[in-house]
N, C-alpha and C. Protein backbone atom coordinates (compact mmCIF):
# COMPACT_ATOMS: atom_id res chain seq x y z
N UNK A 1 0.85 -1.18 0.00
CA UNK A 1 0.00 0.00 0.00
C UNK A 1 0.89 1.23 0.00
N UNK A 2 0.56 2.17 -0.86
CA UNK A 2 1.29 3.43 -0.87
C UNK A 2 0.41 4.50 -0.24
N UNK A 3 1.04 5.39 0.49
CA UNK A 3 0.29 6.42 1.20
C UNK A 3 0.13 7.68 0.37
N UNK A 4 0.93 7.84 -0.68
CA UNK A 4 0.87 9.04 -1.48
C UNK A 4 1.94 10.05 -1.09
N UNK A 5 2.65 9.78 -0.02
CA UNK A 5 3.76 10.65 0.40
C UNK A 5 5.01 9.77 0.44
N UNK A 6 5.95 10.10 -0.43
CA UNK A 6 7.14 9.27 -0.60
C UNK A 6 7.91 9.07 0.71
N UNK A 7 8.04 10.12 1.51
CA UNK A 7 8.79 10.03 2.76
C UNK A 7 8.16 9.00 3.70
N UNK A 8 6.83 8.99 3.79
CA UNK A 8 6.14 8.04 4.68
C UNK A 8 6.24 6.63 4.10
N UNK A 9 6.12 6.50 2.79
CA UNK A 9 6.27 5.18 2.16
C UNK A 9 7.66 4.60 2.44
N UNK A 10 8.69 5.45 2.39
CA UNK A 10 10.04 4.99 2.67
C UNK A 10 10.19 4.57 4.13
N UNK A 11 9.55 5.30 5.03
CA UNK A 11 9.60 4.93 6.45
C UNK A 11 8.93 3.59 6.69
N UNK A 12 7.77 3.36 6.05
CA UNK A 12 7.08 2.08 6.19
C UNK A 12 7.94 0.96 5.63
N UNK A 13 8.58 1.22 4.48
CA UNK A 13 9.43 0.21 3.87
C UNK A 13 10.65 -0.09 4.75
N UNK A 14 11.22 0.95 5.34
CA UNK A 14 12.42 0.78 6.16
C UNK A 14 12.12 0.13 7.51
N UNK A 15 11.08 0.61 8.21
CA UNK A 15 10.81 0.16 9.57
C UNK A 15 9.67 -0.85 9.67
N UNK A 16 8.79 -0.90 8.68
CA UNK A 16 7.62 -1.77 8.77
C UNK A 16 6.63 -1.22 9.78
N UNK A 17 5.69 -2.07 10.20
CA UNK A 17 4.70 -1.69 11.21
C UNK A 17 4.92 -2.61 12.41
N UNK A 18 5.12 -2.01 13.59
CA UNK A 18 5.35 -2.81 14.79
C UNK A 18 4.10 -3.60 15.17
N UNK A 19 4.31 -4.84 15.59
CA UNK A 19 3.19 -5.66 16.05
C UNK A 19 3.34 -6.03 17.52
N UNK A 20 4.48 -5.70 18.11
CA UNK A 20 4.69 -5.92 19.54
C UNK A 20 5.32 -4.64 20.12
N UNK A 21 5.22 -4.45 21.43
CA UNK A 21 5.72 -3.21 22.02
C UNK A 21 7.18 -2.93 21.66
N UNK A 22 7.42 -1.68 21.34
CA UNK A 22 8.75 -1.24 20.96
C UNK A 22 8.68 0.12 20.32
N UNK A 23 9.82 0.59 19.84
CA UNK A 23 9.82 1.88 19.18
C UNK A 23 10.99 2.00 18.22
N UNK A 24 10.83 2.85 17.24
CA UNK A 24 11.90 3.24 16.34
C UNK A 24 11.65 4.70 15.98
N UNK A 25 12.36 5.22 14.97
CA UNK A 25 12.21 6.64 14.64
C UNK A 25 10.83 6.97 14.08
N UNK A 26 10.15 5.99 13.50
CA UNK A 26 8.88 6.22 12.82
C UNK A 26 7.66 5.97 13.71
N UNK A 27 7.79 5.10 14.71
CA UNK A 27 6.60 4.70 15.48
C UNK A 27 6.97 4.21 16.87
N UNK A 28 5.95 4.15 17.71
CA UNK A 28 6.09 3.58 19.06
C UNK A 28 4.81 2.84 19.38
N UNK A 29 4.93 1.62 19.88
CA UNK A 29 3.79 0.80 20.26
C UNK A 29 3.92 0.46 21.73
N UNK A 30 2.89 0.80 22.52
CA UNK A 30 2.92 0.51 23.96
C UNK A 30 1.58 -0.08 24.39
N UNK A 31 1.65 -0.83 25.48
CA UNK A 31 0.45 -1.35 26.13
C UNK A 31 0.24 -0.56 27.41
N UNK A 32 -0.98 -0.12 27.64
CA UNK A 32 -1.34 0.56 28.87
C UNK A 32 -2.53 -0.14 29.49
N UNK A 33 -2.59 -0.15 30.80
CA UNK A 33 -3.71 -0.73 31.52
C UNK A 33 -4.52 0.39 32.15
N UNK A 34 -5.77 0.12 32.45
CA UNK A 34 -6.64 1.12 33.05
C UNK A 34 -5.98 1.81 34.23
N UNK A 35 -6.03 3.13 34.28
CA UNK A 35 -5.46 3.89 35.38
C UNK A 35 -3.96 4.07 35.31
N UNK A 36 -3.32 3.64 34.23
CA UNK A 36 -1.86 3.73 34.09
C UNK A 36 -1.41 5.20 34.05
N UNK A 37 -0.46 5.55 34.89
CA UNK A 37 0.04 6.93 34.98
C UNK A 37 0.75 7.39 33.71
N UNK A 38 1.23 6.44 32.89
CA UNK A 38 1.90 6.82 31.65
C UNK A 38 0.95 7.45 30.64
N UNK A 39 -0.34 7.40 30.92
CA UNK A 39 -1.33 7.99 30.03
C UNK A 39 -1.27 9.51 30.03
N UNK A 40 -0.50 10.10 30.93
CA UNK A 40 -0.37 11.56 31.01
C UNK A 40 0.10 12.18 29.69
N UNK A 41 0.90 11.44 28.94
CA UNK A 41 1.46 11.97 27.69
C UNK A 41 0.53 11.77 26.49
N UNK A 42 -0.60 11.12 26.68
CA UNK A 42 -1.53 10.86 25.58
C UNK A 42 -2.43 12.06 25.31
N UNK A 43 -3.01 12.13 24.11
CA UNK A 43 -4.05 13.15 23.87
C UNK A 43 -5.18 12.98 24.88
N UNK A 44 -5.87 14.06 25.19
CA UNK A 44 -6.84 14.06 26.28
C UNK A 44 -7.93 13.00 26.12
N UNK A 45 -8.44 12.80 24.90
CA UNK A 45 -9.50 11.80 24.70
C UNK A 45 -9.02 10.40 25.06
N UNK A 46 -7.76 10.09 24.75
CA UNK A 46 -7.20 8.78 25.09
C UNK A 46 -6.91 8.69 26.59
N UNK A 47 -6.41 9.78 27.13
CA UNK A 47 -6.13 9.85 28.56
C UNK A 47 -7.39 9.53 29.37
N UNK A 48 -8.53 10.12 28.97
CA UNK A 48 -9.79 9.89 29.68
C UNK A 48 -10.18 8.42 29.64
N UNK A 49 -10.02 7.78 28.48
CA UNK A 49 -10.41 6.37 28.36
C UNK A 49 -9.55 5.49 29.25
N UNK A 50 -8.24 5.75 29.27
CA UNK A 50 -7.33 4.93 30.08
C UNK A 50 -7.60 5.15 31.56
N UNK A 51 -7.73 6.39 31.96
CA UNK A 51 -7.90 6.69 33.39
C UNK A 51 -9.28 6.27 33.90
N UNK A 52 -10.27 6.21 33.04
CA UNK A 52 -11.61 5.81 33.45
C UNK A 52 -11.86 4.32 33.39
N UNK A 53 -10.90 3.58 32.88
CA UNK A 53 -11.08 2.13 32.71
C UNK A 53 -10.58 1.38 33.95
N UNK A 54 -11.14 0.19 34.21
CA UNK A 54 -10.63 -0.63 35.32
C UNK A 54 -9.22 -1.14 34.99
N UNK A 55 -8.49 -1.51 36.00
CA UNK A 55 -7.10 -1.95 35.85
C UNK A 55 -7.01 -3.20 34.97
N UNK A 56 -8.05 -3.97 34.89
CA UNK A 56 -8.03 -5.20 34.09
C UNK A 56 -8.06 -4.94 32.59
N UNK A 57 -8.42 -3.75 32.16
CA UNK A 57 -8.49 -3.43 30.73
C UNK A 57 -7.11 -3.07 30.19
N UNK A 58 -6.79 -3.60 29.00
CA UNK A 58 -5.52 -3.29 28.35
C UNK A 58 -5.78 -2.54 27.06
N UNK A 59 -4.99 -1.52 26.84
CA UNK A 59 -5.09 -0.72 25.62
C UNK A 59 -3.76 -0.79 24.87
N UNK A 60 -3.85 -0.81 23.55
CA UNK A 60 -2.67 -0.76 22.70
C UNK A 60 -2.64 0.62 22.07
N UNK A 61 -1.54 1.33 22.27
CA UNK A 61 -1.40 2.67 21.73
C UNK A 61 -0.30 2.64 20.68
N UNK A 62 -0.63 3.10 19.48
CA UNK A 62 0.31 3.11 18.37
C UNK A 62 0.49 4.56 17.91
N UNK A 63 1.70 5.10 18.09
CA UNK A 63 2.02 6.47 17.68
C UNK A 63 2.88 6.42 16.42
N UNK A 64 2.64 7.36 15.51
CA UNK A 64 3.47 7.51 14.32
C UNK A 64 4.07 8.90 14.32
N UNK A 65 5.33 8.99 13.88
CA UNK A 65 6.08 10.25 13.86
C UNK A 65 6.66 10.49 12.47
N UNK A 66 6.94 11.76 12.19
CA UNK A 66 7.69 12.13 11.00
C UNK A 66 9.07 12.59 11.47
N UNK A 67 10.07 11.71 11.44
CA UNK A 67 11.37 12.06 12.01
C UNK A 67 12.06 13.21 11.26
N UNK A 68 11.83 13.33 9.95
CA UNK A 68 12.49 14.40 9.20
C UNK A 68 11.92 15.78 9.55
N UNK A 69 10.70 15.82 10.09
CA UNK A 69 10.11 17.09 10.54
C UNK A 69 10.08 17.19 12.06
N UNK A 70 10.48 16.12 12.73
CA UNK A 70 10.52 16.06 14.19
C UNK A 70 9.15 16.40 14.80
N UNK A 71 8.10 15.71 14.30
CA UNK A 71 6.76 15.97 14.81
C UNK A 71 5.93 14.68 14.82
N UNK A 72 4.83 14.72 15.58
CA UNK A 72 3.90 13.59 15.63
C UNK A 72 3.03 13.61 14.38
N UNK A 73 2.66 12.44 13.92
CA UNK A 73 1.77 12.33 12.77
C UNK A 73 0.38 11.89 13.21
N UNK A 74 0.30 10.77 13.95
CA UNK A 74 -1.00 10.25 14.37
C UNK A 74 -0.82 9.30 15.55
N UNK A 75 -1.91 9.14 16.32
CA UNK A 75 -1.96 8.17 17.41
C UNK A 75 -3.25 7.38 17.30
N UNK A 76 -3.14 6.07 17.55
CA UNK A 76 -4.30 5.19 17.48
C UNK A 76 -4.38 4.38 18.76
N UNK A 77 -5.59 4.18 19.26
CA UNK A 77 -5.81 3.42 20.48
C UNK A 77 -6.74 2.25 20.17
N UNK A 78 -6.28 1.04 20.55
CA UNK A 78 -7.05 -0.18 20.34
C UNK A 78 -7.37 -0.82 21.68
N UNK A 79 -8.50 -1.51 21.75
CA UNK A 79 -8.84 -2.26 22.97
C UNK A 79 -8.25 -3.67 22.88
N UNK A 80 -8.61 -4.53 23.86
CA UNK A 80 -8.06 -5.89 23.90
C UNK A 80 -8.45 -6.72 22.69
N UNK A 81 -9.59 -6.41 22.11
CA UNK A 81 -10.09 -7.18 20.96
C UNK A 81 -9.48 -6.71 19.64
N UNK A 82 -8.65 -5.67 19.68
CA UNK A 82 -8.04 -5.15 18.46
C UNK A 82 -8.94 -4.17 17.73
N UNK A 83 -9.97 -3.67 18.41
CA UNK A 83 -10.88 -2.71 17.79
C UNK A 83 -10.36 -1.29 18.03
N UNK A 84 -10.40 -0.48 16.99
CA UNK A 84 -9.97 0.91 17.11
C UNK A 84 -11.01 1.67 17.92
N UNK A 85 -10.58 2.31 19.02
CA UNK A 85 -11.54 3.05 19.84
C UNK A 85 -11.27 4.55 19.85
N UNK A 86 -10.06 4.97 19.52
CA UNK A 86 -9.74 6.41 19.42
C UNK A 86 -8.64 6.61 18.40
N UNK A 87 -8.68 7.76 17.74
CA UNK A 87 -7.61 8.13 16.83
C UNK A 87 -7.43 9.64 16.90
N UNK A 88 -6.19 10.07 16.75
CA UNK A 88 -5.89 11.49 16.74
C UNK A 88 -4.89 11.74 15.62
N UNK A 89 -5.22 12.67 14.73
CA UNK A 89 -4.31 13.09 13.67
C UNK A 89 -3.72 14.43 14.09
N UNK A 90 -2.41 14.56 14.05
CA UNK A 90 -1.76 15.79 14.48
C UNK A 90 -1.44 16.70 13.31
N UNK A 91 -2.26 16.69 12.29
CA UNK A 91 -2.04 17.51 11.12
C UNK A 91 -3.37 18.02 10.60
N UNK A 92 -3.32 19.14 9.91
CA UNK A 92 -4.53 19.69 9.29
C UNK A 92 -4.44 19.67 7.77
N UNK A 93 -3.26 19.34 7.24
CA UNK A 93 -3.08 19.28 5.80
C UNK A 93 -3.84 18.08 5.25
N UNK A 94 -4.66 18.33 4.24
CA UNK A 94 -5.50 17.24 3.72
C UNK A 94 -4.68 16.08 3.20
N UNK A 95 -3.54 16.36 2.58
CA UNK A 95 -2.68 15.29 2.07
C UNK A 95 -2.18 14.40 3.21
N UNK A 96 -1.80 15.01 4.32
CA UNK A 96 -1.29 14.24 5.46
C UNK A 96 -2.43 13.54 6.21
N UNK A 97 -3.62 14.13 6.21
CA UNK A 97 -4.78 13.46 6.81
C UNK A 97 -5.07 12.17 6.03
N UNK A 98 -4.94 12.23 4.71
CA UNK A 98 -5.12 11.02 3.91
C UNK A 98 -4.06 9.97 4.23
N UNK A 99 -2.83 10.41 4.50
CA UNK A 99 -1.77 9.49 4.92
C UNK A 99 -2.17 8.82 6.24
N UNK A 100 -2.68 9.61 7.18
CA UNK A 100 -3.11 9.06 8.48
C UNK A 100 -4.21 8.04 8.30
N UNK A 101 -5.15 8.33 7.42
CA UNK A 101 -6.24 7.38 7.16
C UNK A 101 -5.71 6.07 6.57
N UNK A 102 -4.73 6.18 5.69
CA UNK A 102 -4.15 4.97 5.11
C UNK A 102 -3.37 4.18 6.15
N UNK A 103 -2.66 4.88 7.05
CA UNK A 103 -1.99 4.19 8.15
C UNK A 103 -3.00 3.48 9.04
N UNK A 104 -4.14 4.15 9.27
CA UNK A 104 -5.20 3.54 10.08
C UNK A 104 -5.71 2.27 9.42
N UNK A 105 -5.95 2.31 8.10
CA UNK A 105 -6.40 1.12 7.37
C UNK A 105 -5.36 0.01 7.45
N UNK A 106 -4.09 0.40 7.34
CA UNK A 106 -3.01 -0.57 7.42
C UNK A 106 -2.99 -1.26 8.78
N UNK A 107 -3.15 -0.48 9.84
CA UNK A 107 -3.19 -1.05 11.20
C UNK A 107 -4.40 -1.96 11.38
N UNK A 108 -5.55 -1.51 10.89
CA UNK A 108 -6.76 -2.33 11.04
C UNK A 108 -6.64 -3.65 10.27
N UNK A 109 -6.03 -3.60 9.09
CA UNK A 109 -5.81 -4.83 8.34
C UNK A 109 -4.88 -5.75 9.10
N UNK A 110 -3.82 -5.18 9.67
CA UNK A 110 -2.88 -5.99 10.43
C UNK A 110 -3.55 -6.60 11.66
N UNK A 111 -4.37 -5.81 12.35
CA UNK A 111 -5.09 -6.33 13.53
C UNK A 111 -6.03 -7.44 13.11
N UNK A 112 -6.70 -7.26 11.98
CA UNK A 112 -7.62 -8.29 11.48
C UNK A 112 -6.89 -9.56 11.14
N UNK A 113 -5.72 -9.44 10.51
CA UNK A 113 -4.94 -10.62 10.15
C UNK A 113 -4.42 -11.33 11.39
N UNK A 114 -3.94 -10.56 12.37
CA UNK A 114 -3.43 -11.22 13.58
C UNK A 114 -4.57 -11.85 14.36
N UNK A 115 -5.75 -11.22 14.33
CA UNK A 115 -6.91 -11.80 15.01
C UNK A 115 -7.32 -13.10 14.33
N UNK A 116 -7.33 -13.09 12.99
CA UNK A 116 -7.68 -14.31 12.25
C UNK A 116 -6.66 -15.40 12.50
N UNK A 117 -5.38 -15.02 12.57
CA UNK A 117 -4.33 -16.00 12.83
C UNK A 117 -4.49 -16.61 14.21
N UNK A 118 -4.80 -15.78 15.21
CA UNK A 118 -4.97 -16.33 16.57
C UNK A 118 -6.21 -17.21 16.64
N UNK A 119 -7.27 -16.84 15.91
CA UNK A 119 -8.46 -17.68 15.88
C UNK A 119 -8.15 -19.00 15.20
N UNK A 120 -7.32 -18.96 14.15
CA UNK A 120 -6.92 -20.18 13.47
C UNK A 120 -6.12 -21.10 14.38
N UNK A 121 -5.24 -20.51 15.19
CA UNK A 121 -4.45 -21.29 16.15
C UNK A 121 -5.36 -21.94 17.18
N UNK A 122 -6.36 -21.21 17.66
CA UNK A 122 -7.30 -21.78 18.63
C UNK A 122 -8.06 -22.94 18.01
N UNK A 123 -8.47 -22.75 16.75
CA UNK A 123 -9.22 -23.81 16.08
C UNK A 123 -8.32 -25.04 15.89
N UNK A 124 -7.06 -24.85 15.53
CA UNK A 124 -6.14 -25.98 15.38
C UNK A 124 -5.94 -26.69 16.71
N UNK A 125 -5.81 -25.94 17.79
CA UNK A 125 -5.65 -26.55 19.11
C UNK A 125 -6.87 -27.38 19.48
N UNK A 126 -8.06 -26.86 19.20
CA UNK A 126 -9.29 -27.61 19.48
C UNK A 126 -9.33 -28.90 18.68
N UNK A 127 -8.98 -28.81 17.38
CA UNK A 127 -8.99 -29.99 16.54
C UNK A 127 -7.99 -31.03 17.04
N UNK A 128 -6.82 -30.57 17.47
CA UNK A 128 -5.81 -31.48 18.00
C UNK A 128 -6.32 -32.16 19.27
N UNK A 129 -6.95 -31.42 20.15
CA UNK A 129 -7.48 -32.00 21.39
C UNK A 129 -8.60 -32.99 21.09
N UNK A 130 -9.43 -32.65 20.09
CA UNK A 130 -10.49 -33.58 19.69
C UNK A 130 -9.90 -34.90 19.18
N UNK A 131 -8.83 -34.80 18.38
CA UNK A 131 -8.18 -36.01 17.87
C UNK A 131 -7.61 -36.85 19.02
N UNK A 132 -6.94 -36.16 19.96
CA UNK A 132 -6.37 -36.87 21.11
C UNK A 132 -7.45 -37.55 21.93
N UNK A 133 -8.56 -36.86 22.13
CA UNK A 133 -9.66 -37.42 22.90
C UNK A 133 -10.24 -38.63 22.19
N UNK A 134 -10.39 -38.54 20.85
CA UNK A 134 -10.92 -39.66 20.07
C UNK A 134 -9.97 -40.87 20.17
N UNK A 135 -8.67 -40.62 20.14
CA UNK A 135 -7.71 -41.72 20.25
C UNK A 135 -7.78 -42.38 21.62
N UNK A 136 -7.92 -41.60 22.67
CA UNK A 136 -8.01 -42.18 24.01
C UNK A 136 -9.29 -42.97 24.18
N UNK A 137 -10.35 -42.51 23.55
CA UNK A 137 -11.63 -43.23 23.60
C UNK A 137 -11.50 -44.56 22.87
N UNK A 138 -10.79 -44.58 21.72
CA UNK A 138 -10.60 -45.81 20.99
C UNK A 138 -9.74 -46.80 21.78
N UNK A 139 -8.72 -46.29 22.45
CA UNK A 139 -7.86 -47.15 23.25
C UNK A 139 -8.63 -47.72 24.46
N UNK A 140 -9.51 -46.92 25.02
CA UNK A 140 -10.26 -47.36 26.19
C UNK A 140 -11.29 -48.42 25.80
N UNK A 141 -11.77 -48.40 24.58
CA UNK A 141 -12.80 -49.33 24.14
C UNK A 141 -12.21 -50.64 23.76
């Protein structure tokens, strides 16, 4: 997928999209739990969600930056199910807003793929357990 801005496309090509907590020049991915004090640095709408949630809730926060301009591009907040619950674009330029939307689609596609992969793993585990159970039943008979 191309975003329409060569600099952002090069960053995606160079760094990829993080799927586990970490950071590089282009992005940072963190997990926060309800009431986490690290939410102080988040945009206010995200801060409210984190601080108002019970400690058992986990949020995934994905920030994107433009290192050549030394500024934030966008922030996305996902719940435990991988559903997008908040987004903030730090730009007013229509071209860059379109880049943010494409990054959002890219993240949602990745979340969907990882969710499908985890569901596939669960289904394989169930099938394996069913086979084992059937074998033990045959041996017992």
